Amino acid sequence: MTQLAPDTQEMLKSLRTAVADTLERKRRLGQYAVIWQDGKPVLAGDDALAQEVNVQHEQGEKSH
């Protein structure tokens, strides 16, 4: 891998910290997050299943 410039490394570290902090806050609040996994968006978190079922149900209603 190519070595990143020190300022670029610092920016990347800041972004990773911000994302980790945000995901942790959402977890503590019981909120789901949409993350990218295996080339697809995925709902992750305690209430993700309920949200996913609701979204699929709504999409089914719109297609009829």
PDB file of N, CA and C in Angstrom:
ATOM      1  N   MET A   1       0.843  -1.186   0.000  1.00  0.00           N
ATOM      2  CA  MET A   1       0.000   0.000   0.000  1.00  0.00           C
ATOM      3  C   MET A   1       0.882   1.242   0.000  1.00  0.00           C
ATOM      4  N   THR A   2       0.428   2.261  -0.673  1.00  0.00           N
ATOM      5  CA  THR A   2       1.167   3.515  -0.748  1.00  0.00           C
ATOM      6  C   THR A   2       1.092   4.231   0.597  1.00  0.00           C
ATOM      7  N   GLN A   3       2.226   4.770   1.023  1.00  0.00           N
ATOM      8  CA  GLN A   3       2.277   5.528   2.274  1.00  0.00           C
ATOM      9  C   GLN A   3       1.576   6.867   2.081  1.00  0.00           C
ATOM     10  N   LEU A   4       0.652   7.175   2.982  1.00  0.00           N
ATOM     11  CA  LEU A   4      -0.084   8.434   2.909  1.00  0.00           C
ATOM     12  C   LEU A   4       0.727   9.547   3.572  1.00  0.00           C
ATOM     13  N   ALA A   5       0.495  10.756   3.098  1.00  0.00           N
ATOM     14  CA  ALA A   5       1.145  11.920   3.703  1.00  0.00           C
ATOM     15  C   ALA A   5       0.651  12.067   5.141  1.00  0.00           C
ATOM     16  N   PRO A   6       1.469  12.605   6.034  1.00  0.00           N
ATOM     17  CA  PRO A   6       1.068  12.733   7.449  1.00  0.00           C
ATOM     18  C   PRO A   6      -0.246  13.488   7.647  1.00  0.00           C
ATOM     19  N   ASP A   7      -0.479  14.553   6.882  1.00  0.00           N
ATOM     20  CA  ASP A   7      -1.728  15.295   7.053  1.00  0.00           C
ATOM     21  C   ASP A   7      -2.930  14.471   6.572  1.00  0.00           C
ATOM     22  N   THR A   8      -2.730  13.671   5.538  1.00  0.00           N
ATOM     23  CA  THR A   8      -3.793  12.796   5.042  1.00  0.00           C
ATOM     24  C   THR A   8      -4.100  11.709   6.066  1.00  0.00           C
ATOM     25  N   GLN A   9      -3.066  11.165   6.687  1.00  0.00           N
ATOM     26  CA  GLN A   9      -3.258  10.160   7.739  1.00  0.00           C
ATOM     27  C   GLN A   9      -4.051  10.738   8.906  1.00  0.00           C
ATOM     28  N   GLU A  10      -3.757  11.967   9.271  1.00  0.00           N
ATOM     29  CA  GLU A  10      -4.474  12.626  10.372  1.00  0.00           C
ATOM     30  C   GLU A  10      -5.937  12.855  10.023  1.00  0.00           C
ATOM     31  N   MET A  11      -6.206  13.268   8.780  1.00  0.00           N
ATOM     32  CA  MET A  11      -7.593  13.459   8.343  1.00  0.00           C
ATOM     33  C   MET A  11      -8.356  12.135   8.360  1.00  0.00           C
ATOM     34  N   LEU A  12      -7.725  11.074   7.875  1.00  0.00           N
ATOM     35  CA  LEU A  12      -8.355   9.762   7.862  1.00  0.00           C
ATOM     36  C   LEU A  12      -8.638   9.274   9.281  1.00  0.00           C
ATOM     37  N   LYS A  13      -7.704   9.505  10.172  1.00  0.00           N
ATOM     38  CA  LYS A  13      -7.896   9.136  11.581  1.00  0.00           C
ATOM     39  C   LYS A  13      -9.082   9.902  12.175  1.00  0.00           C
ATOM     40  N   SER A  14      -9.188  11.193  11.869  1.00  0.00           N
ATOM     41  CA  SER A  14     -10.302  12.006  12.374  1.00  0.00           C
ATOM     42  C   SER A  14     -11.642  11.507  11.846  1.00  0.00           C
ATOM     43  N   LEU A  15     -11.696  11.159  10.569  1.00  0.00           N
ATOM     44  CA  LEU A  15     -12.938  10.648   9.980  1.00  0.00           C
ATOM     45  C   LEU A  15     -13.335   9.318  10.601  1.00  0.00           C
ATOM     46  N   ARG A  16     -12.361   8.425  10.788  1.00  0.00           N
ATOM     47  CA  ARG A  16     -12.655   7.127  11.400  1.00  0.00           C
ATOM     48  C   ARG A  16     -13.167   7.299  12.827  1.00  0.00           C
ATOM     49  N   THR A  17     -12.571   8.221  13.568  1.00  0.00           N
ATOM     50  CA  THR A  17     -13.009   8.490  14.940  1.00  0.00           C
ATOM     51  C   THR A  17     -14.430   9.042  14.951  1.00  0.00           C
ATOM     52  N   ALA A  18     -14.727   9.972  14.047  1.00  0.00           N
ATOM     53  CA  ALA A  18     -16.072  10.555  13.970  1.00  0.00           C
ATOM     54  C   ALA A  18     -17.114   9.487  13.642  1.00  0.00           C
ATOM     55  N   VAL A  19     -16.816   8.599  12.711  1.00  0.00           N
ATOM     56  CA  VAL A  19     -17.747   7.532  12.346  1.00  0.00           C
ATOM     57  C   VAL A  19     -17.944   6.580  13.520  1.00  0.00           C
ATOM     58  N   ALA A  20     -16.862   6.171  14.165  1.00  0.00           N
ATOM     59  CA  ALA A  20     -16.966   5.259  15.305  1.00  0.00           C
ATOM     60  C   ALA A  20     -17.783   5.884  16.433  1.00  0.00           C
ATOM     61  N   ASP A  21     -17.557   7.161  16.712  1.00  0.00           N
ATOM     62  CA  ASP A  21     -18.312   7.859  17.761  1.00  0.00           C
ATOM     63  C   ASP A  21     -19.800   7.935  17.416  1.00  0.00           C
ATOM     64  N   THR A  22     -20.101   8.220  16.163  1.00  0.00           N
ATOM     65  CA  THR A  22     -21.497   8.323  15.732  1.00  0.00           C
ATOM     66  C   THR A  22     -22.197   6.972  15.807  1.00  0.00           C
ATOM     67  N   LEU A  23     -21.535   5.919  15.352  1.00  0.00           N
ATOM     68  CA  LEU A  23     -22.135   4.587  15.423  1.00  0.00           C
ATOM     69  C   LEU A  23     -22.340   4.150  16.872  1.00  0.00           C
ATOM     70  N   GLU A  24     -21.408   4.476  17.737  1.00  0.00           N
ATOM     71  CA  GLU A  24     -21.552   4.140  19.158  1.00  0.00           C
ATOM     72  C   GLU A  24     -22.728   4.896  19.777  1.00  0.00           C
ATOM     73  N   ARG A  25     -22.873   6.171  19.441  1.00  0.00           N
ATOM     74  CA  ARG A  25     -23.992   6.966  19.959  1.00  0.00           C
ATOM     75  C   ARG A  25     -25.330   6.385  19.487  1.00  0.00           C
ATOM     76  N   LYS A  26     -25.406   6.021  18.213  1.00  0.00           N
ATOM     77  CA  LYS A  26     -26.634   5.426  17.688  1.00  0.00           C
ATOM     78  C   LYS A  26     -26.926   4.095  18.385  1.00  0.00           C
ATOM     79  N   ARG A  27     -25.892   3.300  18.665  1.00  0.00           N
ATOM     80  CA  ARG A  27     -26.082   2.034  19.357  1.00  0.00           C
ATOM     81  C   ARG A  27     -26.645   2.258  20.752  1.00  0.00           C
ATOM     82  N   ARG A  28     -26.076   3.230  21.475  1.00  0.00           N
ATOM     83  CA  ARG A  28     -26.547   3.515  22.841  1.00  0.00           C
ATOM     84  C   ARG A  28     -27.983   4.026  22.839  1.00  0.00           C
ATOM     85  N   LEU A  29     -28.373   4.758  21.812  1.00  0.00           N
ATOM     86  CA  LEU A  29     -29.731   5.288  21.717  1.00  0.00           C
ATOM     87  C   LEU A  29     -30.718   4.251  21.176  1.00  0.00           C
ATOM     88  N   GLY A  30     -30.214   3.101  20.755  1.00  0.00           N
ATOM     89  CA  GLY A  30     -31.078   2.064  20.214  1.00  0.00           C
ATOM     90  C   GLY A  30     -31.520   2.332  18.790  1.00  0.00           C
ATOM     91  N   GLN A  31     -30.770   3.135  18.091  1.00  0.00           N
ATOM     92  CA  GLN A  31     -31.112   3.472  16.709  1.00  0.00           C
ATOM     93  C   GLN A  31     -30.329   2.589  15.745  1.00  0.00           C
ATOM     94  N   TYR A  32     -30.931   2.336  14.597  1.00  0.00           N
ATOM     95  CA  TYR A  32     -30.209   1.561  13.592  1.00  0.00           C
ATOM     96  C   TYR A  32     -29.322   2.489  12.769  1.00  0.00           C
ATOM     97  N   ALA A  33     -28.383   1.895  12.053  1.00  0.00           N
ATOM     98  CA  ALA A  33     -27.529   2.632  11.135  1.00  0.00           C
ATOM     99  C   ALA A  33     -27.523   1.882   9.814  1.00  0.00           C
ATOM    100  N   VAL A  34     -27.352   2.589   8.742  1.00  0.00           N
ATOM    101  CA  VAL A  34     -27.214   1.964   7.433  1.00  0.00           C
ATOM    102  C   VAL A  34     -25.718   1.923   7.123  1.00  0.00           C
ATOM    103  N   ILE A  35     -25.216   0.703   6.914  1.00  0.00           N
ATOM    104  CA  ILE A  35     -23.804   0.528   6.608  1.00  0.00           C
ATOM    105  C   ILE A  35     -23.672  -0.201   5.282  1.00  0.00           C
ATOM    106  N   TRP A  36     -22.516  -0.131   4.683  1.00  0.00           N
ATOM    107  CA  TRP A  36     -22.249  -0.799   3.423  1.00  0.00           C
ATOM    108  C   TRP A  36     -21.562  -2.119   3.739  1.00  0.00           C
ATOM    109  N   GLN A  37     -22.137  -3.230   3.236  1.00  0.00           N
ATOM    110  CA  GLN A  37     -21.579  -4.548   3.522  1.00  0.00           C
ATOM    111  C   GLN A  37     -21.772  -5.441   2.295  1.00  0.00           C
ATOM    112  N   ASP A  38     -20.711  -6.057   1.838  1.00  0.00           N
ATOM    113  CA  ASP A  38     -20.762  -6.952   0.680  1.00  0.00           C
ATOM    114  C   ASP A  38     -21.402  -6.285  -0.534  1.00  0.00           C
ATOM    115  N   GLY A  39     -21.101  -5.029  -0.742  1.00  0.00           N
ATOM    116  CA  GLY A  39     -21.597  -4.320  -1.911  1.00  0.00           C
ATOM    117  C   GLY A  39     -23.039  -3.873  -1.847  1.00  0.00           C
ATOM    118  N   LYS A  40     -23.665  -3.968  -0.646  1.00  0.00           N
ATOM    119  CA  LYS A  40     -25.065  -3.564  -0.501  1.00  0.00           C
ATOM    120  C   LYS A  40     -25.255  -2.784   0.792  1.00  0.00           C
ATOM    121  N   PRO A  41     -26.224  -1.861   0.814  1.00  0.00           N
ATOM    122  CA  PRO A  41     -26.546  -1.199   2.083  1.00  0.00           C
ATOM    123  C   PRO A  41     -27.280  -2.177   2.995  1.00  0.00           C
ATOM    124  N   VAL A  42     -26.930  -2.145   4.285  1.00  0.00           N
ATOM    125  CA  VAL A  42     -27.503  -3.051   5.271  1.00  0.00           C
ATOM    126  C   VAL A  42     -27.922  -2.245   6.492  1.00  0.00           C
ATOM    127  N   LEU A  43     -29.099  -2.551   7.049  1.00  0.00           N
ATOM    128  CA  LEU A  43     -29.536  -1.933   8.294  1.00  0.00           C
ATOM    129  C   LEU A  43     -28.894  -2.689   9.443  1.00  0.00           C
ATOM    130  N   ALA A  44     -28.242  -1.973  10.356  1.00  0.00           N
ATOM    131  CA  ALA A  44     -27.578  -2.604  11.492  1.00  0.00           C
ATOM    132  C   ALA A  44     -28.024  -1.916  12.779  1.00  0.00           C
ATOM    133  N   GLY A  45     -28.300  -2.700  13.806  1.00  0.00           N
ATOM    134  CA  GLY A  45     -28.698  -2.160  15.095  1.00  0.00           C
ATOM    135  C   GLY A  45     -29.902  -2.889  15.649  1.00  0.00           C
ATOM    136  N   ASP A  46     -30.251  -2.581  16.900  1.00  0.00           N
ATOM    137  CA  ASP A  46     -31.327  -3.274  17.593  1.00  0.00           C
ATOM    138  C   ASP A  46     -32.673  -3.164  16.894  1.00  0.00           C
ATOM    139  N   ASP A  47     -33.017  -2.008  16.367  1.00  0.00           N
ATOM    140  CA  ASP A  47     -34.314  -1.852  15.723  1.00  0.00           C
ATOM    141  C   ASP A  47     -34.249  -2.030  14.207  1.00  0.00           C
ATOM    142  N   ALA A  48     -33.141  -2.541  13.700  1.00  0.00           N
ATOM    143  CA  ALA A  48     -32.968  -2.695  12.259  1.00  0.00           C
ATOM    144  C   ALA A  48     -33.952  -3.689  11.670  1.00  0.00           C
ATOM    145  N   LEU A  49     -34.207  -4.791  12.345  1.00  0.00           N
ATOM    146  CA  LEU A  49     -35.108  -5.790  11.801  1.00  0.00           C
ATOM    147  C   LEU A  49     -36.502  -5.218  11.615  1.00  0.00           C
ATOM    148  N   ALA A  50     -37.011  -4.523  12.603  1.00  0.00           N
ATOM    149  CA  ALA A  50     -38.348  -3.932  12.500  1.00  0.00           C
ATOM    150  C   ALA A  50     -38.393  -2.920  11.362  1.00  0.00           C
ATOM    151  N   GLN A  51     -37.369  -2.115  11.236  1.00  0.00           N
ATOM    152  CA  GLN A  51     -37.334  -1.118  10.166  1.00  0.00           C
ATOM    153  C   GLN A  51     -37.275  -1.797   8.806  1.00  0.00           C
ATOM    154  N   GLU A  52     -36.497  -2.859   8.665  1.00  0.00           N
ATOM    155  CA  GLU A  52     -36.351  -3.553   7.395  1.00  0.00           C
ATOM    156  C   GLU A  52     -37.680  -4.194   6.986  1.00  0.00           C
ATOM    157  N   VAL A  53     -38.380  -4.793   7.925  1.00  0.00           N
ATOM    158  CA  VAL A  53     -39.671  -5.398   7.641  1.00  0.00           C
ATOM    159  C   VAL A  53     -40.656  -4.333   7.183  1.00  0.00           C
ATOM    160  N   ASN A  54     -40.671  -3.181   7.853  1.00  0.00           N
ATOM    161  CA  ASN A  54     -41.569  -2.090   7.467  1.00  0.00           C
ATOM    162  C   ASN A  54     -41.259  -1.584   6.065  1.00  0.00           C
ATOM    163  N   VAL A  55     -40.000  -1.456   5.736  1.00  0.00           N
ATOM    164  CA  VAL A  55     -39.607  -0.964   4.414  1.00  0.00           C
ATOM    165  C   VAL A  55     -40.035  -1.962   3.350  1.00  0.00           C
ATOM    166  N   GLN A  56     -39.812  -3.250   3.586  1.00  0.00           N
ATOM    167  CA  GLN A  56     -40.197  -4.261   2.612  1.00  0.00           C
ATOM    168  C   GLN A  56     -41.717  -4.280   2.440  1.00  0.00           C
ATOM    169  N   HIS A  57     -42.453  -4.129   3.518  1.00  0.00           N
ATOM    170  CA  HIS A  57     -43.905  -4.120   3.465  1.00  0.00           C
ATOM    171  C   HIS A  57     -44.400  -2.932   2.641  1.00  0.00           C
ATOM    172  N   GLU A  58     -43.815  -1.759   2.880  1.00  0.00           N
ATOM    173  CA  GLU A  58     -44.212  -0.555   2.151  1.00  0.00           C
ATOM    174  C   GLU A  58     -43.899  -0.693   0.668  1.00  0.00           C
ATOM    175  N   GLN A  59     -42.764  -1.295   0.333  1.00  0.00           N
ATOM    176  CA  GLN A  59     -42.409  -1.473  -1.064  1.00  0.00           C
ATOM    177  C   GLN A  59     -43.373  -2.425  -1.755  1.00  0.00           C
ATOM    178  N   GLY A  60     -43.818  -3.446  -1.041  1.00  0.00           N
ATOM    179  CA  GLY A  60     -44.793  -4.385  -1.591  1.00  0.00           C
ATOM    180  C   GLY A  60     -46.110  -3.718  -1.877  1.00  0.00           C
ATOM    181  N   GLU A  61     -46.543  -2.806  -1.000  1.00  0.00           N
ATOM    182  CA  GLU A  61     -47.801  -2.093  -1.199  1.00  0.00           C
ATOM    183  C   GLU A  61     -47.734  -1.185  -2.409  1.00  0.00           C
ATOM    184  N   LYS A  62     -46.608  -0.560  -2.636  1.00  0.00           N
ATOM    185  CA  LYS A  62     -46.468   0.372  -3.747  1.00  0.00           C
ATOM    186  C   LYS A  62     -46.458  -0.347  -5.088  1.00  0.00           C
ATOM    187  N   SER A  63     -46.023  -1.614  -5.103  1.00  0.00           N
ATOM    188  CA  SER A  63     -45.916  -2.322  -6.381  1.00  0.00           C
ATOM    189  C   SER A  63     -47.263  -2.862  -6.860  1.00  0.00           C
ATOM    190  N   HIS A  64     -48.308  -2.855  -6.023  1.00  0.00           N
ATOM    191  CA  HIS A  64     -49.618  -3.397  -6.424  1.00  0.00           C
ATOM    192  C   HIS A  64     -50.478  -2.355  -7.030  1.00  0.00           C
TER     193      HIS A  64
END
